[in-house]
Amino acid sequence: MTGAAIKELTAEEIEKQKERFPRVFSLTSKDKTIRWLSGCAVVAILLYSFNRFGFFSEKFYGSFGKLAIMFDQMFPPTTGGQMGDYIQAILETLSMALIGSLIGGILALPLAFMAAKNFNPIRPIQFSTRRFADVLRAADYMIWGLIFVRAMGLGPIPGIMAIAIIDTGILVILYSEAIENIDRKQIEGIKASGGSTLEIIRFGVMPQVMPVLLTNALYMFESNTRAATILGIVGAGGIGFLLSDNLRAFEFSNACTIILMIIGVVYIIDYGSRKLRERYIRGDDYLQGDEDTGAKTFFGRLASRLRPSRSQE
């Protein structure tokens, strides 16, 4: 109904529409009461939770002064003569994240085909595979890290195992959903030409899902870099052990150096993975360059200003 038609409605017609669609024009008293009571219940739960956890106590407000002293002692950052150890530990953290992500990504791929509805007609196996993936990702990195540290001892191997377990559980679900959303026309074409199951997967499925798989794997690698740092706190290797050790010893300036190194490494990985995704998804267009995209960035605008115009040449 257009705006002109609405203006031509008489008062009697409007009343009929109100009787026919009462919720469109206004909420009933019952709905208003339910909404008001729901809002009051949410506010009451929040206030109770804040009070229960001590947000309104002197302990919480008094901690800001200690936090300010701690931040003051962090600067300027120092190394305490352990810069070589810090670099070795951050490389160990990156290795843990890379190896764990690689193992998880490889293990998740065949399980994803078992969990996909359009590739596995046996429903019990499909259901069991999905529930198995849920079990793997139900626990946090630190829980799996503690389990493997207790079983294998201190070092990076428990951290790698924890990352691989979590990655497998998450990527099985993500990969299977990507496989279930593929276009069936390519698969039917390969089947009609006499292709085998492996050829269907290689030429009909993987070209469609590979950008999604790569994107998910790279995101998991970024997340695993931070997770590997936390795993070091429980003794699973990496820079996290040195960070927790310096914090316990009140060496806040050394801890600040480690935190800055972690932030820098995470930023570099984020930038590199974004470039890899653009390179793979956009292909030749990315290699040839996109002037419109480049002009939107800071460096693109700066280069366009510094570049001499054709008229000046």
Protein backbone atom coordinates (compact mmCIF):
# COMPACT_ATOMS: atom_id res chain seq x y z
CA MET A 1 0.00 0.00 0.00
CA THR A 2 1.47 3.32 -1.10
CA GLY A 3 1.63 6.51 0.96
CA ALA A 4 -1.13 8.14 -1.13
CA ALA A 5 -3.44 5.16 -0.54
CA ILE A 6 -2.79 5.32 3.20
CA LYS A 7 -3.74 9.00 3.29
CA GLU A 8 -7.04 8.22 1.55
CA LEU A 9 -8.15 5.79 4.29
CA THR A 10 -11.14 6.93 6.29
CA ALA A 11 -11.34 6.83 10.08
CA GLU A 12 -13.75 3.90 9.88
CA GLU A 13 -11.34 1.87 7.72
CA ILE A 14 -8.47 2.63 10.08
CA GLU A 15 -10.50 1.36 13.04
CA LYS A 16 -11.28 -1.83 11.15
CA GLN A 17 -7.58 -2.37 10.47
CA LYS A 18 -6.81 -1.77 14.16
CA GLU A 19 -9.35 -4.44 15.13
CA ARG A 20 -7.93 -6.83 12.54
CA PHE A 21 -4.24 -6.25 13.37
CA PRO A 22 -4.11 -4.94 16.94
CA ARG A 23 -0.40 -5.74 17.48
CA VAL A 24 0.60 -3.71 14.44
CA PHE A 25 -0.86 -0.46 15.79
CA SER A 26 -0.14 -0.78 19.52
CA LEU A 27 0.86 -3.26 22.18
CA THR A 28 -1.80 -4.70 24.41
CA SER A 29 -1.74 -4.12 28.17
CA LYS A 30 -0.62 -7.71 28.66
CA ASP A 31 2.34 -7.28 26.29
CA LYS A 32 3.35 -4.02 27.97
CA THR A 33 3.21 -5.67 31.41
CA ILE A 34 5.28 -8.66 30.25
CA ARG A 35 7.91 -6.37 28.71
CA TRP A 36 8.07 -4.19 31.83
CA LEU A 37 8.40 -7.18 34.14
CA SER A 38 11.04 -8.76 31.90
CA GLY A 39 13.08 -5.56 31.93
CA CYS A 40 12.81 -5.31 35.73
CA ALA A 41 13.88 -8.95 36.08
CA VAL A 42 16.97 -8.41 33.89
CA VAL A 43 17.97 -5.29 35.86
CA ALA A 44 17.44 -7.11 39.17
CA ILE A 45 19.59 -10.07 38.03
CA LEU A 46 22.37 -7.70 36.91
CA LEU A 47 22.31 -5.76 40.18
CA TYR A 48 22.37 -8.98 42.20
CA SER A 49 25.28 -10.31 40.11
CA PHE A 50 27.29 -7.08 40.48
CA ASN A 51 26.73 -7.11 44.24
CA ARG A 52 27.41 -10.85 44.51
CA PHE A 53 30.78 -10.55 42.74
CA GLY A 54 31.86 -7.47 44.69
CA PHE A 55 31.53 -4.71 42.10
CA PHE A 56 30.04 -2.39 44.75
CA SER A 57 32.64 -3.20 47.42
CA GLU A 58 35.76 -1.34 48.49
CA LYS A 59 37.84 -4.26 47.26
CA PHE A 60 36.88 -3.49 43.66
CA TYR A 61 37.24 0.30 43.83
CA GLY A 62 40.46 0.07 45.85
CA SER A 63 42.11 -2.09 43.20
CA PHE A 64 42.29 0.80 40.70
CA GLY A 65 45.08 2.42 42.70
CA LYS A 66 47.10 -0.81 42.70
CA LEU A 67 46.45 -1.19 38.98
CA ALA A 68 47.77 2.33 38.34
CA ILE A 69 50.94 1.55 40.32
CA MET A 70 51.38 -1.66 38.33
CA PHE A 71 51.06 0.16 35.00
CA ASP A 72 53.48 2.83 36.20
CA GLN A 73 56.06 0.14 36.97
CA MET A 74 55.65 -1.38 33.50
CA PHE A 75 57.19 1.61 31.74
CA PRO A 76 59.74 1.90 30.35
CA PRO A 77 59.80 -1.74 29.19
CA THR A 78 62.98 -3.66 29.96
CA THR A 79 64.37 -7.05 29.03
CA GLY A 80 66.46 -7.85 32.08
CA GLY A 81 69.15 -9.26 29.79
CA GLN A 82 66.79 -12.00 28.57
CA MET A 83 65.90 -10.74 25.10
CA GLY A 84 67.33 -13.88 23.50
CA ASP A 85 65.12 -16.04 25.72
CA TYR A 86 62.08 -13.92 24.84
CA ILE A 87 62.69 -14.28 21.11
CA GLN A 88 63.21 -18.03 21.43
CA ALA A 89 60.00 -18.33 23.46
CA ILE A 90 57.92 -16.28 21.02
CA LEU A 91 59.20 -18.44 18.14
CA GLU A 92 58.24 -21.52 20.15
CA THR A 93 54.75 -20.05 20.64
CA LEU A 94 54.40 -19.46 16.89
CA SER A 95 55.59 -23.01 16.18
CA MET A 96 53.03 -24.42 18.61
CA ALA A 97 50.22 -22.45 16.96
CA LEU A 98 51.34 -23.39 13.43
CA ILE A 99 51.84 -27.12 14.08
CA GLY A 100 48.64 -27.41 16.14
CA SER A 101 46.62 -25.57 13.48
CA LEU A 102 48.09 -27.75 10.73
CA ILE A 103 47.32 -31.00 12.56
CA GLY A 104 43.80 -29.84 13.42
CA GLY A 105 43.07 -28.71 9.86
CA ILE A 106 44.26 -32.00 8.36
CA LEU A 107 42.36 -34.18 10.84
CA ALA A 108 39.17 -32.13 10.46
CA LEU A 109 38.89 -32.55 6.68
CA PRO A 110 38.00 -36.29 6.46
CA LEU A 111 35.81 -35.99 9.55
CA ALA A 112 33.97 -33.08 7.91
CA PHE A 113 32.98 -35.31 4.95
CA MET A 114 31.72 -37.88 7.46
CA ALA A 115 29.65 -35.17 9.20
CA ALA A 116 28.22 -33.64 6.00
CA LYS A 117 24.65 -34.67 5.21
CA ASN A 118 25.13 -34.63 1.44
CA PHE A 119 28.19 -36.94 1.53
CA ASN A 120 27.37 -39.35 4.31
CA PRO A 121 23.98 -41.06 3.92
CA ILE A 122 24.51 -43.12 7.09
CA ARG A 123 22.82 -40.92 9.68
CA PRO A 124 24.22 -42.66 12.83
CA ILE A 125 27.81 -42.10 11.63
CA GLN A 126 27.04 -38.51 10.69
CA PHE A 127 25.40 -37.85 14.06
CA SER A 128 28.25 -39.56 15.97
CA THR A 129 30.89 -37.55 14.10
CA ARG A 130 29.21 -34.25 14.95
CA ARG A 131 28.82 -35.21 18.60
CA PHE A 132 32.47 -36.29 18.68
CA ALA A 133 33.43 -32.85 17.38
CA ASP A 134 31.28 -31.28 20.11
CA VAL A 135 33.14 -33.28 22.75
CA LEU A 136 36.52 -32.12 21.39
CA ARG A 137 35.62 -28.44 21.46
CA ALA A 138 33.59 -28.53 24.67
CA ALA A 139 36.64 -28.03 26.91
CA ASP A 140 38.84 -24.94 26.80
CA TYR A 141 42.48 -24.79 25.70
CA MET A 142 43.69 -24.59 29.31
CA ILE A 143 41.73 -27.71 30.33
CA TRP A 144 43.20 -29.79 27.52
CA GLY A 145 46.59 -28.22 28.25
CA LEU A 146 46.42 -29.27 31.91
CA ILE A 147 45.41 -32.81 30.88
CA PHE A 148 48.29 -33.20 28.44
CA VAL A 149 50.81 -31.54 30.80
CA ARG A 150 49.84 -34.08 33.46
CA ALA A 151 50.21 -36.94 30.96
CA MET A 152 53.28 -35.79 28.96
CA GLY A 153 55.06 -33.37 31.24
CA LEU A 154 56.10 -29.75 30.68
CA GLY A 155 57.00 -28.46 27.24
CA PRO A 156 55.45 -27.42 23.92
CA ILE A 157 54.05 -30.85 22.96
CA PRO A 158 51.09 -30.65 25.40
CA GLY A 159 50.27 -27.21 24.01
CA ILE A 160 50.37 -28.48 20.44
CA MET A 161 48.09 -31.37 21.33
CA ALA A 162 45.61 -29.06 23.08
CA ILE A 163 45.48 -26.72 20.07
CA ALA A 164 45.08 -29.63 17.64
CA ILE A 165 42.20 -31.11 19.67
CA ILE A 166 40.28 -27.82 19.85
CA ASP A 167 40.94 -27.00 16.18
CA THR A 168 39.72 -30.42 15.06
CA GLY A 169 36.44 -30.04 16.93
CA ILE A 170 35.74 -26.53 15.64
CA LEU A 171 36.86 -27.07 12.05
CA VAL A 172 34.86 -30.29 11.62
CA ILE A 173 31.65 -28.30 12.12
CA LEU A 174 32.76 -25.34 9.98
CA TYR A 175 34.09 -27.54 7.16
CA SER A 176 31.00 -29.78 7.11
CA GLU A 177 28.68 -26.77 6.86
CA ALA A 178 30.70 -25.45 3.93
CA ILE A 179 30.52 -28.86 2.21
CA GLU A 180 26.76 -29.05 2.73
CA ASN A 181 26.26 -25.68 0.97
CA ILE A 182 28.09 -26.53 -2.26
CA ASP A 183 26.49 -26.44 -5.71
CA ARG A 184 25.43 -29.94 -6.77
CA LYS A 185 25.64 -29.21 -10.51
CA GLN A 186 29.41 -29.65 -10.67
CA ILE A 187 29.19 -32.94 -8.79
CA GLU A 188 26.45 -34.25 -11.09
CA GLY A 189 28.54 -33.29 -14.11
CA ILE A 190 31.57 -35.22 -12.85
CA LYS A 191 29.38 -38.22 -12.00
CA ALA A 192 27.86 -38.16 -15.49
CA SER A 193 31.33 -38.23 -17.04
CA GLY A 194 32.23 -41.35 -15.00
CA GLY A 195 34.30 -39.71 -12.27
CA SER A 196 35.21 -41.62 -9.14
CA THR A 197 34.52 -40.48 -5.57
CA LEU A 198 38.03 -39.05 -5.21
CA GLU A 199 37.66 -37.17 -8.50
CA ILE A 200 34.31 -35.78 -7.34
CA ILE A 201 35.92 -34.50 -4.15
CA ARG A 202 39.01 -33.17 -5.98
CA PHE A 203 37.30 -31.42 -8.90
CA GLY A 204 33.71 -30.91 -7.71
CA VAL A 205 33.95 -30.14 -4.00
CA MET A 206 37.36 -28.74 -3.14
CA PRO A 207 37.37 -25.85 -5.67
CA GLN A 208 34.07 -24.65 -4.17
CA VAL A 209 34.93 -24.98 -0.50
CA MET A 210 38.66 -24.19 -0.54
CA PRO A 211 38.26 -20.41 0.02
CA VAL A 212 36.03 -21.09 3.04
CA LEU A 213 38.39 -23.76 4.39
CA LEU A 214 41.41 -21.50 3.99
CA THR A 215 39.68 -18.57 5.65
CA ASN A 216 38.60 -20.66 8.64
CA ALA A 217 42.04 -22.25 8.98
CA LEU A 218 43.79 -18.87 8.95
CA TYR A 219 41.38 -17.45 11.51
CA MET A 220 42.05 -20.43 13.74
CA PHE A 221 45.81 -19.89 13.36
CA GLU A 222 45.40 -16.28 14.50
CA SER A 223 43.35 -17.40 17.49
CA ASN A 224 45.79 -20.20 18.29
CA THR A 225 48.67 -17.74 18.53
CA ARG A 226 46.93 -16.09 21.48
CA ALA A 227 45.86 -19.48 22.87
CA ALA A 228 49.46 -20.73 22.76
CA THR A 229 50.43 -17.75 24.92
CA ILE A 230 47.84 -18.70 27.53
CA LEU A 231 48.87 -22.36 27.41
CA GLY A 232 52.35 -21.38 28.51
CA ILE A 233 50.92 -20.26 31.85
CA VAL A 234 49.97 -23.88 32.68
CA GLY A 235 53.40 -25.16 31.63
CA ALA A 236 52.65 -26.07 28.03
CA GLY A 237 55.60 -24.14 26.58
CA GLY A 238 55.89 -20.82 24.80
CA ILE A 239 56.13 -17.20 25.85
CA GLY A 240 53.26 -17.53 28.31
CA PHE A 241 55.49 -19.29 30.85
CA LEU A 242 57.96 -16.37 30.88
CA LEU A 243 55.09 -13.89 31.12
CA SER A 244 53.53 -15.58 34.14
CA ASP A 245 56.96 -16.03 35.72
CA ASN A 246 57.74 -12.29 35.46
CA LEU A 247 54.31 -11.30 36.75
CA ARG A 248 54.68 -13.56 39.78
CA ALA A 249 58.12 -12.06 40.46
CA PHE A 250 56.69 -8.50 40.15
CA GLU A 251 58.98 -7.82 37.19
CA PHE A 252 56.34 -5.70 35.48
CA SER A 253 58.72 -3.91 33.10
CA ASN A 254 59.92 -7.26 31.73
CA ALA A 255 56.31 -8.43 31.48
CA CYS A 256 55.47 -5.27 29.51
CA THR A 257 58.17 -6.16 26.97
CA ILE A 258 56.69 -9.64 26.54
CA ILE A 259 53.16 -8.23 26.15
CA LEU A 260 54.35 -5.77 23.48
CA MET A 261 56.10 -8.61 21.63
CA ILE A 262 52.89 -10.66 21.70
CA ILE A 263 50.84 -7.73 20.37
CA GLY A 264 53.35 -7.14 17.56
CA VAL A 265 53.41 -10.80 16.54
CA VAL A 266 49.60 -11.05 16.57
CA TYR A 267 49.36 -7.92 14.40
CA ILE A 268 51.87 -9.29 11.88
CA ILE A 269 50.03 -12.61 11.68
CA ASP A 270 46.69 -10.86 11.24
CA TYR A 271 48.11 -8.71 8.42
CA GLY A 272 49.79 -11.65 6.70
CA SER A 273 46.75 -13.92 6.90
CA ARG A 274 44.54 -11.16 5.48
CA LYS A 275 46.91 -10.77 2.54
CA LEU A 276 46.90 -14.54 1.98
CA ARG A 277 43.10 -14.63 1.98
CA GLU A 278 42.95 -11.76 -0.50
CA ARG A 279 45.60 -13.40 -2.69
CA TYR A 280 43.78 -16.74 -2.79
CA ILE A 281 40.20 -15.50 -3.11
CA ARG A 282 40.82 -12.65 -5.57
CA GLY A 283 43.58 -14.40 -7.51
CA ASP A 284 44.86 -12.54 -10.57
CA ASP A 285 42.90 -9.41 -9.73
CA TYR A 286 44.93 -9.09 -6.53
CA LEU A 287 48.24 -9.58 -8.36
CA GLN A 288 47.35 -6.96 -10.98
CA GLY A 289 46.36 -4.49 -8.24
CA ASP A 290 43.10 -2.73 -7.58
CA GLU A 291 43.47 1.01 -7.93
CA ASP A 292 40.10 1.73 -6.36
CA THR A 293 40.91 -0.42 -3.32
CA GLY A 294 44.40 1.02 -2.98
CA ALA A 295 43.14 4.57 -3.19
CA LYS A 296 40.93 3.98 -0.15
CA THR A 297 43.88 3.15 2.12
CA PHE A 298 46.13 5.69 3.81
CA PHE A 299 49.20 4.64 1.82
CA GLY A 300 47.18 4.60 -1.40
CA ARG A 301 46.05 8.18 -0.89
CA LEU A 302 49.58 9.22 0.08
CA ALA A 303 51.06 7.60 -3.04
CA SER A 304 48.46 9.22 -5.28
CA ARG A 305 49.38 12.64 -3.89
CA LEU A 306 53.13 12.11 -4.24
CA ARG A 307 52.83 10.62 -7.73
CA PRO A 308 53.37 13.35 -10.39
CA SER A 309 50.47 13.95 -12.73
CA ARG A 310 50.71 13.39 -16.49
CA SER A 311 50.31 17.11 -17.17
CA GLN A 312 53.43 17.89 -15.09
CA GLU A 313 55.42 15.30 -16.99
